[in-house]
Amino acid sequence: MSINRHDGAADGFVHSVDDEVVLRFTPLARRGRKGADPERWKAVMKQVGLGRHMSDPPIACAFALAEKITGVALSEDVLGMRFLVARTVADEH
């Protein structure tokens, strides 16, 4: 999972599984989803506010989508950090 926020360029969201990009999109753009399964999270994207009538900032909606996909809640303190990076760990099960 990667969410990029840029002041001078387009923001980005990428969800990958086993080195394959499942979904890639720009949070501000309603269309243009790409990846191996670009429709997988379409209903959840709408649920978190990504779409035509967004009431929250697109980047906030992208983080809400990441929470739904991963099950990991991100606190406001974490989201307020300037630079946030996490390494993925292989599932040993």
PDB file of N, CA and C in Angstrom:
ATOM      1  N   MET A   1       0.843  -1.154   0.000  1.00  0.00           N
ATOM      2  CA  MET A   1       0.000   0.000   0.000  1.00  0.00           C
ATOM      3  C   MET A   1       0.896   1.226   0.000  1.00  0.00           C
ATOM      4  N   SER A   2       0.615   2.138  -0.873  1.00  0.00           N
ATOM      5  CA  SER A   2       1.370   3.380  -0.940  1.00  0.00           C
ATOM      6  C   SER A   2       0.406   4.526  -1.215  1.00  0.00           C
ATOM      7  N   ILE A   3       0.501   5.565  -0.391  1.00  0.00           N
ATOM      8  CA  ILE A   3      -0.276   6.773  -0.609  1.00  0.00           C
ATOM      9  C   ILE A   3       0.715   7.922  -0.635  1.00  0.00           C
ATOM     10  N   ASN A   4       0.737   8.648  -1.732  1.00  0.00           N
ATOM     11  CA  ASN A   4       1.672   9.756  -1.899  1.00  0.00           C
ATOM     12  C   ASN A   4       0.919  11.063  -1.964  1.00  0.00           C
ATOM     13  N   ARG A   5       1.393  12.037  -1.207  1.00  0.00           N
ATOM     14  CA  ARG A   5       0.807  13.382  -1.203  1.00  0.00           C
ATOM     15  C   ARG A   5       1.853  14.362  -1.693  1.00  0.00           C
ATOM     16  N   HIS A   6       1.550  15.093  -2.754  1.00  0.00           N
ATOM     17  CA  HIS A   6       2.476  16.055  -3.337  1.00  0.00           C
ATOM     18  C   HIS A   6       1.796  17.409  -3.449  1.00  0.00           C
ATOM     19  N   ASP A   7       2.462  18.456  -2.982  1.00  0.00           N
ATOM     20  CA  ASP A   7       1.897  19.801  -3.124  1.00  0.00           C
ATOM     21  C   ASP A   7       1.957  20.290  -4.564  1.00  0.00           C
ATOM     22  N   GLY A   8       3.005  19.893  -5.287  1.00  0.00           N
ATOM     23  CA  GLY A   8       3.185  20.403  -6.638  1.00  0.00           C
ATOM     24  C   GLY A   8       2.862  19.415  -7.738  1.00  0.00           C
ATOM     25  N   ALA A   9       2.352  18.240  -7.380  1.00  0.00           N
ATOM     26  CA  ALA A   9       2.055  17.221  -8.385  1.00  0.00           C
ATOM     27  C   ALA A   9       0.816  16.440  -7.953  1.00  0.00           C
ATOM     28  N   ALA A  10       0.434  15.465  -8.745  1.00  0.00           N
ATOM     29  CA  ALA A  10      -0.748  14.661  -8.434  1.00  0.00           C
ATOM     30  C   ALA A  10      -0.459  13.686  -7.298  1.00  0.00           C
ATOM     31  N   ASP A  11      -1.445  13.539  -6.407  1.00  0.00           N
ATOM     32  CA  ASP A  11      -1.350  12.539  -5.347  1.00  0.00           C
ATOM     33  C   ASP A  11      -1.517  11.159  -5.971  1.00  0.00           C
ATOM     34  N   GLY A  12      -1.144  10.119  -5.234  1.00  0.00           N
ATOM     35  CA  GLY A  12      -1.265   8.771  -5.779  1.00  0.00           C
ATOM     36  C   GLY A  12      -1.602   7.736  -4.730  1.00  0.00           C
ATOM     37  N   PHE A  13      -2.281   6.688  -5.148  1.00  0.00           N
ATOM     38  CA  PHE A  13      -2.643   5.558  -4.295  1.00  0.00           C
ATOM     39  C   PHE A  13      -2.280   4.297  -5.064  1.00  0.00           C
ATOM     40  N   VAL A  14      -1.568   3.364  -4.405  1.00  0.00           N
ATOM     41  CA  VAL A  14      -1.228   2.088  -5.026  1.00  0.00           C
ATOM     42  C   VAL A  14      -1.456   0.972  -4.011  1.00  0.00           C
ATOM     43  N   HIS A  15      -2.192  -0.051  -4.426  1.00  0.00           N
ATOM     44  CA  HIS A  15      -2.394  -1.250  -3.602  1.00  0.00           C
ATOM     45  C   HIS A  15      -1.800  -2.420  -4.371  1.00  0.00           C
ATOM     46  N   SER A  16      -0.817  -3.078  -3.757  1.00  0.00           N
ATOM     47  CA  SER A  16      -0.147  -4.214  -4.393  1.00  0.00           C
ATOM     48  C   SER A  16      -0.274  -5.453  -3.519  1.00  0.00           C
ATOM     49  N   VAL A  17      -0.327  -6.611  -4.165  1.00  0.00           N
ATOM     50  CA  VAL A  17      -0.342  -7.891  -3.474  1.00  0.00           C
ATOM     51  C   VAL A  17       0.630  -8.808  -4.204  1.00  0.00           C
ATOM     52  N   ASP A  18       1.572  -9.376  -3.458  1.00  0.00           N
ATOM     53  CA  ASP A  18       2.550 -10.299  -4.045  1.00  0.00           C
ATOM     54  C   ASP A  18       3.228  -9.716  -5.280  1.00  0.00           C
ATOM     55  N   ASP A  19       3.715  -8.504  -5.152  1.00  0.00           N
ATOM     56  CA  ASP A  19       4.445  -7.803  -6.219  1.00  0.00           C
ATOM     57  C   ASP A  19       3.595  -7.480  -7.446  1.00  0.00           C
ATOM     58  N   GLU A  20       2.287  -7.558  -7.336  1.00  0.00           N
ATOM     59  CA  GLU A  20       1.410  -7.202  -8.444  1.00  0.00           C
ATOM     60  C   GLU A  20       0.556  -5.999  -8.027  1.00  0.00           C
ATOM     61  N   VAL A  21       0.525  -4.988  -8.874  1.00  0.00           N
ATOM     62  CA  VAL A  21      -0.309  -3.811  -8.594  1.00  0.00           C
ATOM     63  C   VAL A  21      -1.765  -4.192  -8.855  1.00  0.00           C
ATOM     64  N   VAL A  22      -2.554  -4.216  -7.785  1.00  0.00           N
ATOM     65  CA  VAL A  22      -3.974  -4.534  -7.880  1.00  0.00           C
ATOM     66  C   VAL A  22      -4.746  -3.302  -8.316  1.00  0.00           C
ATOM     67  N   LEU A  23      -4.396  -2.159  -7.718  1.00  0.00           N
ATOM     68  CA  LEU A  23      -5.116  -0.923  -7.992  1.00  0.00           C
ATOM     69  C   LEU A  23      -4.166   0.258  -7.885  1.00  0.00           C
ATOM     70  N   ARG A  24      -4.255   1.156  -8.848  1.00  0.00           N
ATOM     71  CA  ARG A  24      -3.494   2.405  -8.853  1.00  0.00           C
ATOM     72  C   ARG A  24      -4.429   3.498  -9.354  1.00  0.00           C
ATOM     73  N   PHE A  25      -4.440   4.627  -8.622  1.00  0.00           N
ATOM     74  CA  PHE A  25      -5.267   5.741  -9.073  1.00  0.00           C
ATOM     75  C   PHE A  25      -4.801   7.036  -8.417  1.00  0.00           C
ATOM     76  N   THR A  26      -5.288   8.135  -8.949  1.00  0.00           N
ATOM     77  CA  THR A  26      -5.062   9.458  -8.378  1.00  0.00           C
ATOM     78  C   THR A  26      -6.303   9.796  -7.568  1.00  0.00           C
ATOM     79  N   PRO A  27      -6.172  10.034  -6.244  1.00  0.00           N
ATOM     80  CA  PRO A  27      -7.353  10.262  -5.408  1.00  0.00           C
ATOM     81  C   PRO A  27      -8.290  11.369  -5.889  1.00  0.00           C
ATOM     82  N   LEU A  28      -7.774  12.394  -6.525  1.00  0.00           N
ATOM     83  CA  LEU A  28      -8.623  13.477  -6.997  1.00  0.00           C
ATOM     84  C   LEU A  28      -9.433  13.069  -8.232  1.00  0.00           C
ATOM     85  N   ALA A  29      -8.912  12.122  -9.003  1.00  0.00           N
ATOM     86  CA  ALA A  29      -9.587  11.699 -10.241  1.00  0.00           C
ATOM     87  C   ALA A  29     -10.601  10.604  -9.952  1.00  0.00           C
ATOM     88  N   ARG A  30     -11.791  10.777 -10.446  1.00  0.00           N
ATOM     89  CA  ARG A  30     -12.846   9.790 -10.230  1.00  0.00           C
ATOM     90  C   ARG A  30     -12.629   8.554 -11.090  1.00  0.00           C
ATOM     91  N   ARG A  31     -12.077   8.761 -12.235  1.00  0.00           N
ATOM     92  CA  ARG A  31     -11.836   7.655 -13.175  1.00  0.00           C
ATOM     93  C   ARG A  31     -10.338   7.415 -13.294  1.00  0.00           C
ATOM     94  N   GLY A  32      -9.973   6.496 -14.140  1.00  0.00           N
ATOM     95  CA  GLY A  32      -8.559   6.262 -14.394  1.00  0.00           C
ATOM     96  C   GLY A  32      -7.913   5.237 -13.476  1.00  0.00           C
ATOM     97  N   ARG A  33      -8.732   4.377 -12.857  1.00  0.00           N
ATOM     98  CA  ARG A  33      -8.159   3.316 -12.026  1.00  0.00           C
ATOM     99  C   ARG A  33      -7.471   2.316 -12.939  1.00  0.00           C
ATOM    100  N   LYS A  34      -6.289   1.875 -12.512  1.00  0.00           N
ATOM    101  CA  LYS A  34      -5.519   0.904 -13.293  1.00  0.00           C
ATOM    102  C   LYS A  34      -5.036  -0.195 -12.368  1.00  0.00           C
ATOM    103  N   GLY A  35      -4.538  -1.262 -12.951  1.00  0.00           N
ATOM    104  CA  GLY A  35      -3.986  -2.366 -12.183  1.00  0.00           C
ATOM    105  C   GLY A  35      -4.594  -3.688 -12.611  1.00  0.00           C
ATOM    106  N   ALA A  36      -4.204  -4.754 -11.923  1.00  0.00           N
ATOM    107  CA  ALA A  36      -4.673  -6.093 -12.254  1.00  0.00           C
ATOM    108  C   ALA A  36      -6.170  -6.265 -11.977  1.00  0.00           C
ATOM    109  N   ASP A  37      -6.705  -5.530 -10.992  1.00  0.00           N
ATOM    110  CA  ASP A  37      -8.120  -5.626 -10.638  1.00  0.00           C
ATOM    111  C   ASP A  37      -8.626  -4.248 -10.213  1.00  0.00           C
ATOM    112  N   PRO A  38      -8.719  -3.306 -11.150  1.00  0.00           N
ATOM    113  CA  PRO A  38      -9.052  -1.921 -10.796  1.00  0.00           C
ATOM    114  C   PRO A  38     -10.453  -1.736 -10.209  1.00  0.00           C
ATOM    115  N   GLU A  39     -11.323  -2.709 -10.342  1.00  0.00           N
ATOM    116  CA  GLU A  39     -12.683  -2.594  -9.815  1.00  0.00           C
ATOM    117  C   GLU A  39     -12.828  -3.227  -8.428  1.00  0.00           C
ATOM    118  N   ARG A  40     -11.780  -3.885  -7.923  1.00  0.00           N
ATOM    119  CA  ARG A  40     -11.879  -4.631  -6.674  1.00  0.00           C
ATOM    120  C   ARG A  40     -12.417  -3.802  -5.513  1.00  0.00           C
ATOM    121  N   TRP A  41     -11.953  -2.579  -5.369  1.00  0.00           N
ATOM    122  CA  TRP A  41     -12.318  -1.754  -4.216  1.00  0.00           C
ATOM    123  C   TRP A  41     -13.283  -0.631  -4.582  1.00  0.00           C
ATOM    124  N   LYS A  42     -13.951  -0.730  -5.728  1.00  0.00           N
ATOM    125  CA  LYS A  42     -14.825   0.338  -6.206  1.00  0.00           C
ATOM    126  C   LYS A  42     -15.922   0.683  -5.191  1.00  0.00           C
ATOM    127  N   ALA A  43     -16.609  -0.298  -4.642  1.00  0.00           N
ATOM    128  CA  ALA A  43     -17.682  -0.033  -3.680  1.00  0.00           C
ATOM    129  C   ALA A  43     -17.131   0.586  -2.400  1.00  0.00           C
ATOM    130  N   VAL A  44     -15.975   0.121  -1.958  1.00  0.00           N
ATOM    131  CA  VAL A  44     -15.360   0.664  -0.738  1.00  0.00           C
ATOM    132  C   VAL A  44     -14.880   2.089  -0.990  1.00  0.00           C
ATOM    133  N   MET A  45     -14.371   2.356  -2.183  1.00  0.00           N
ATOM    134  CA  MET A  45     -13.953   3.711  -2.536  1.00  0.00           C
ATOM    135  C   MET A  45     -15.128   4.672  -2.405  1.00  0.00           C
ATOM    136  N   LYS A  46     -16.271   4.257  -2.889  1.00  0.00           N
ATOM    137  CA  LYS A  46     -17.473   5.091  -2.776  1.00  0.00           C
ATOM    138  C   LYS A  46     -17.869   5.257  -1.304  1.00  0.00           C
ATOM    139  N   GLN A  47     -17.768   4.176  -0.549  1.00  0.00           N
ATOM    140  CA  GLN A  47     -18.125   4.196   0.878  1.00  0.00           C
ATOM    141  C   GLN A  47     -17.282   5.202   1.664  1.00  0.00           C
ATOM    142  N   VAL A  48     -15.991   5.317   1.336  1.00  0.00           N
ATOM    143  CA  VAL A  48     -15.099   6.230   2.079  1.00  0.00           C
ATOM    144  C   VAL A  48     -15.098   7.641   1.494  1.00  0.00           C
ATOM    145  N   GLY A  49     -15.870   7.855   0.456  1.00  0.00           N
ATOM    146  CA  GLY A  49     -16.017   9.213  -0.063  1.00  0.00           C
ATOM    147  C   GLY A  49     -15.227   9.536  -1.307  1.00  0.00           C
ATOM    148  N   LEU A  50     -14.545   8.553  -1.901  1.00  0.00           N
ATOM    149  CA  LEU A  50     -13.833   8.808  -3.155  1.00  0.00           C
ATOM    150  C   LEU A  50     -14.835   8.719  -4.296  1.00  0.00           C
ATOM    151  N   GLY A  51     -14.917   9.752  -5.071  1.00  0.00           N
ATOM    152  CA  GLY A  51     -15.870   9.747  -6.172  1.00  0.00           C
ATOM    153  C   GLY A  51     -16.259  11.145  -6.576  1.00  0.00           C
ATOM    154  N   ARG A  52     -17.367  11.244  -7.232  1.00  0.00           N
ATOM    155  CA  ARG A  52     -17.810  12.497  -7.833  1.00  0.00           C
ATOM    156  C   ARG A  52     -18.072  13.591  -6.802  1.00  0.00           C
ATOM    157  N   HIS A  53     -18.712  13.269  -5.703  1.00  0.00           N
ATOM    158  CA  HIS A  53     -19.116  14.278  -4.728  1.00  0.00           C
ATOM    159  C   HIS A  53     -18.363  14.080  -3.412  1.00  0.00           C
ATOM    160  N   MET A  54     -17.079  14.371  -3.406  1.00  0.00           N
ATOM    161  CA  MET A  54     -16.276  14.194  -2.203  1.00  0.00           C
ATOM    162  C   MET A  54     -16.496  15.359  -1.254  1.00  0.00           C
ATOM    163  N   SER A  55     -16.827  15.039   0.004  1.00  0.00           N
ATOM    164  CA  SER A  55     -16.977  16.091   1.006  1.00  0.00           C
ATOM    165  C   SER A  55     -15.689  16.275   1.804  1.00  0.00           C
ATOM    166  N   ASP A  56     -14.832  15.248   1.824  1.00  0.00           N
ATOM    167  CA  ASP A  56     -13.537  15.312   2.516  1.00  0.00           C
ATOM    168  C   ASP A  56     -12.428  15.459   1.478  1.00  0.00           C
ATOM    169  N   PRO A  57     -11.251  15.941   1.906  1.00  0.00           N
ATOM    170  CA  PRO A  57     -10.134  16.024   0.967  1.00  0.00           C
ATOM    171  C   PRO A  57      -9.824  14.636   0.387  1.00  0.00           C
ATOM    172  N   PRO A  58      -9.499  14.548  -0.894  1.00  0.00           N
ATOM    173  CA  PRO A  58      -9.235  13.256  -1.525  1.00  0.00           C
ATOM    174  C   PRO A  58      -8.154  12.442  -0.820  1.00  0.00           C
ATOM    175  N   ILE A  59      -7.128  13.099  -0.313  1.00  0.00           N
ATOM    176  CA  ILE A  59      -6.048  12.348   0.343  1.00  0.00           C
ATOM    177  C   ILE A  59      -6.560  11.710   1.641  1.00  0.00           C
ATOM    178  N   ALA A  60      -7.461  12.380   2.349  1.00  0.00           N
ATOM    179  CA  ALA A  60      -8.063  11.801   3.558  1.00  0.00           C
ATOM    180  C   ALA A  60      -8.894  10.579   3.201  1.00  0.00           C
ATOM    181  N   CYS A  61      -9.617  10.667   2.095  1.00  0.00           N
ATOM    182  CA  CYS A  61     -10.408   9.526   1.637  1.00  0.00           C
ATOM    183  C   CYS A  61      -9.511   8.361   1.238  1.00  0.00           C
ATOM    184  N   ALA A  62      -8.354   8.665   0.647  1.00  0.00           N
ATOM    185  CA  ALA A  62      -7.406   7.611   0.271  1.00  0.00           C
ATOM    186  C   ALA A  62      -6.886   6.893   1.518  1.00  0.00           C
ATOM    187  N   PHE A  63      -6.598   7.636   2.579  1.00  0.00           N
ATOM    188  CA  PHE A  63      -6.161   6.999   3.822  1.00  0.00           C
ATOM    189  C   PHE A  63      -7.292   6.180   4.441  1.00  0.00           C
ATOM    190  N   ALA A  64      -8.532   6.645   4.326  1.00  0.00           N
ATOM    191  CA  ALA A  64      -9.677   5.877   4.822  1.00  0.00           C
ATOM    192  C   ALA A  64      -9.810   4.570   4.048  1.00  0.00           C
ATOM    193  N   LEU A  65      -9.554   4.604   2.741  1.00  0.00           N
ATOM    194  CA  LEU A  65      -9.574   3.392   1.928  1.00  0.00           C
ATOM    195  C   LEU A  65      -8.484   2.430   2.385  1.00  0.00           C
ATOM    196  N   ALA A  66      -7.292   2.953   2.647  1.00  0.00           N
ATOM    197  CA  ALA A  66      -6.194   2.105   3.126  1.00  0.00           C
ATOM    198  C   ALA A  66      -6.565   1.432   4.437  1.00  0.00           C
ATOM    199  N   GLU A  67      -7.242   2.157   5.328  1.00  0.00           N
ATOM    200  CA  GLU A  67      -7.686   1.568   6.594  1.00  0.00           C
ATOM    201  C   GLU A  67      -8.666   0.424   6.350  1.00  0.00           C
ATOM    202  N   LYS A  68      -9.595   0.612   5.420  1.00  0.00           N
ATOM    203  CA  LYS A  68     -10.575  -0.434   5.115  1.00  0.00           C
ATOM    204  C   LYS A  68      -9.903  -1.669   4.523  1.00  0.00           C
ATOM    205  N   ILE A  69      -8.935  -1.462   3.639  1.00  0.00           N
ATOM    206  CA  ILE A  69      -8.262  -2.582   2.986  1.00  0.00           C
ATOM    207  C   ILE A  69      -7.383  -3.348   3.966  1.00  0.00           C
ATOM    208  N   THR A  70      -6.628  -2.629   4.786  1.00  0.00           N
ATOM    209  CA  THR A  70      -5.645  -3.270   5.664  1.00  0.00           C
ATOM    210  C   THR A  70      -6.186  -3.630   7.038  1.00  0.00           C
ATOM    211  N   GLY A  71      -7.239  -2.945   7.479  1.00  0.00           N
ATOM    212  CA  GLY A  71      -7.729  -3.154   8.834  1.00  0.00           C
ATOM    213  C   GLY A  71      -6.906  -2.438   9.886  1.00  0.00           C
ATOM    214  N   VAL A  72      -5.965  -1.599   9.451  1.00  0.00           N
ATOM    215  CA  VAL A  72      -5.104  -0.851  10.361  1.00  0.00           C
ATOM    216  C   VAL A  72      -5.595   0.584  10.429  1.00  0.00           C
ATOM    217  N   ALA A  73      -6.013   1.008  11.633  1.00  0.00           N
ATOM    218  CA  ALA A  73      -6.486   2.374  11.820  1.00  0.00           C
ATOM    219  C   ALA A  73      -5.296   3.311  12.005  1.00  0.00           C
ATOM    220  N   LEU A  74      -5.327   4.432  11.328  1.00  0.00           N
ATOM    221  CA  LEU A  74      -4.262   5.421  11.423  1.00  0.00           C
ATOM    222  C   LEU A  74      -4.754   6.599  12.243  1.00  0.00           C
ATOM    223  N   SER A  75      -4.030   6.930  13.295  1.00  0.00           N
ATOM    224  CA  SER A  75      -4.428   8.034  14.163  1.00  0.00           C
ATOM    225  C   SER A  75      -4.120   9.378  13.504  1.00  0.00           C
ATOM    226  N   GLU A  76      -4.737  10.436  14.023  1.00  0.00           N
ATOM    227  CA  GLU A  76      -4.456  11.780  13.502  1.00  0.00           C
ATOM    228  C   GLU A  76      -2.995  12.152  13.722  1.00  0.00           C
ATOM    229  N   ASP A  77      -2.400  11.682  14.817  1.00  0.00           N
ATOM    230  CA  ASP A  77      -0.984  11.950  15.067  1.00  0.00           C
ATOM    231  C   ASP A  77      -0.112  11.351  13.962  1.00  0.00           C
ATOM    232  N   VAL A  78      -0.424  10.139  13.581  1.00  0.00           N
ATOM    233  CA  VAL A  78       0.353   9.476  12.528  1.00  0.00           C
ATOM    234  C   VAL A  78       0.146  10.203  11.201  1.00  0.00           C
ATOM    235  N   LEU A  79      -1.096  10.537  10.887  1.00  0.00           N
ATOM    236  CA  LEU A  79      -1.377  11.195   9.616  1.00  0.00           C
ATOM    237  C   LEU A  79      -0.795  12.602   9.550  1.00  0.00           C
ATOM    238  N   GLY A  80      -0.525  13.209  10.699  1.00  0.00           N
ATOM    239  CA  GLY A  80       0.046  14.548  10.738  1.00  0.00           C
ATOM    240  C   GLY A  80       1.550  14.583  10.549  1.00  0.00           C
ATOM    241  N   MET A  81       2.182  13.414  10.480  1.00  0.00           N
ATOM    242  CA  MET A  81       3.637  13.366  10.290  1.00  0.00           C
ATOM    243  C   MET A  81       3.995  13.833   8.882  1.00  0.00           C
ATOM    244  N   ARG A  82       5.154  14.471   8.753  1.00  0.00           N
ATOM    245  CA  ARG A  82       5.601  14.935   7.437  1.00  0.00           C
ATOM    246  C   ARG A  82       5.943  13.795   6.510  1.00  0.00           C
ATOM    247  N   PHE A  83       6.545  12.745   7.039  1.00  0.00           N
ATOM    248  CA  PHE A  83       7.026  11.654   6.209  1.00  0.00           C
ATOM    249  C   PHE A  83       6.738  10.354   6.936  1.00  0.00           C
ATOM    250  N   LEU A  84       5.968   9.487   6.340  1.00  0.00           N
ATOM    251  CA  LEU A  84       5.584   8.243   6.973  1.00  0.00           C
ATOM    252  C   LEU A  84       5.912   7.096   6.026  1.00  0.00           C
ATOM    253  N   VAL A  85       6.697   6.143   6.500  1.00  0.00           N
ATOM    254  CA  VAL A  85       7.094   5.006   5.692  1.00  0.00           C
ATOM    255  C   VAL A  85       6.957   3.744   6.541  1.00  0.00           C
ATOM    256  N   ALA A  86       6.504   2.675   5.922  1.00  0.00           N
ATOM    257  CA  ALA A  86       6.448   1.391   6.613  1.00  0.00           C
ATOM    258  C   ALA A  86       6.901   0.309   5.644  1.00  0.00           C
ATOM    259  N   ARG A  87       7.566  -0.660   6.157  1.00  0.00           N
ATOM    260  CA  ARG A  87       8.045  -1.797   5.356  1.00  0.00           C
ATOM    261  C   ARG A  87       7.029  -2.901   5.447  1.00  0.00           C
ATOM    262  N   THR A  88       6.767  -3.580   4.347  1.00  0.00           N
ATOM    263  CA  THR A  88       5.846  -4.710   4.379  1.00  0.00           C
ATOM    264  C   THR A  88       6.569  -5.940   4.879  1.00  0.00           C
ATOM    265  N   VAL A  89       5.843  -6.820   5.530  1.00  0.00           N
ATOM    266  CA  VAL A  89       6.408  -8.048   6.063  1.00  0.00           C
ATOM    267  C   VAL A  89       5.627  -9.203   5.458  1.00  0.00           C
ATOM    268  N   ALA A  90       6.334 -10.205   4.976  1.00  0.00           N
ATOM    269  CA  ALA A  90       5.687 -11.357   4.374  1.00  0.00           C
ATOM    270  C   ALA A  90       4.869 -12.103   5.408  1.00  0.00           C
ATOM    271  N   ASP A  91       3.704 -12.571   4.987  1.00  0.00           N
ATOM    272  CA  ASP A  91       2.840 -13.369   5.854  1.00  0.00           C
ATOM    273  C   ASP A  91       3.411 -14.783   5.897  1.00  0.00           C
ATOM    274  N   GLU A  92       3.700 -15.259   7.088  1.00  0.00           N
ATOM    275  CA  GLU A  92       4.329 -16.580   7.213  1.00  0.00           C
ATOM    276  C   GLU A  92       3.306 -17.700   7.364  1.00  0.00           C
ATOM    277  N   HIS A  93       2.039 -17.406   7.223  1.00  0.00           N
ATOM    278  CA  HIS A  93       0.989 -18.451   7.402  1.00  0.00           C
ATOM    279  C   HIS A  93       0.647 -19.079   6.098  1.00  0.00           C
TER     280      HIS A  93
END
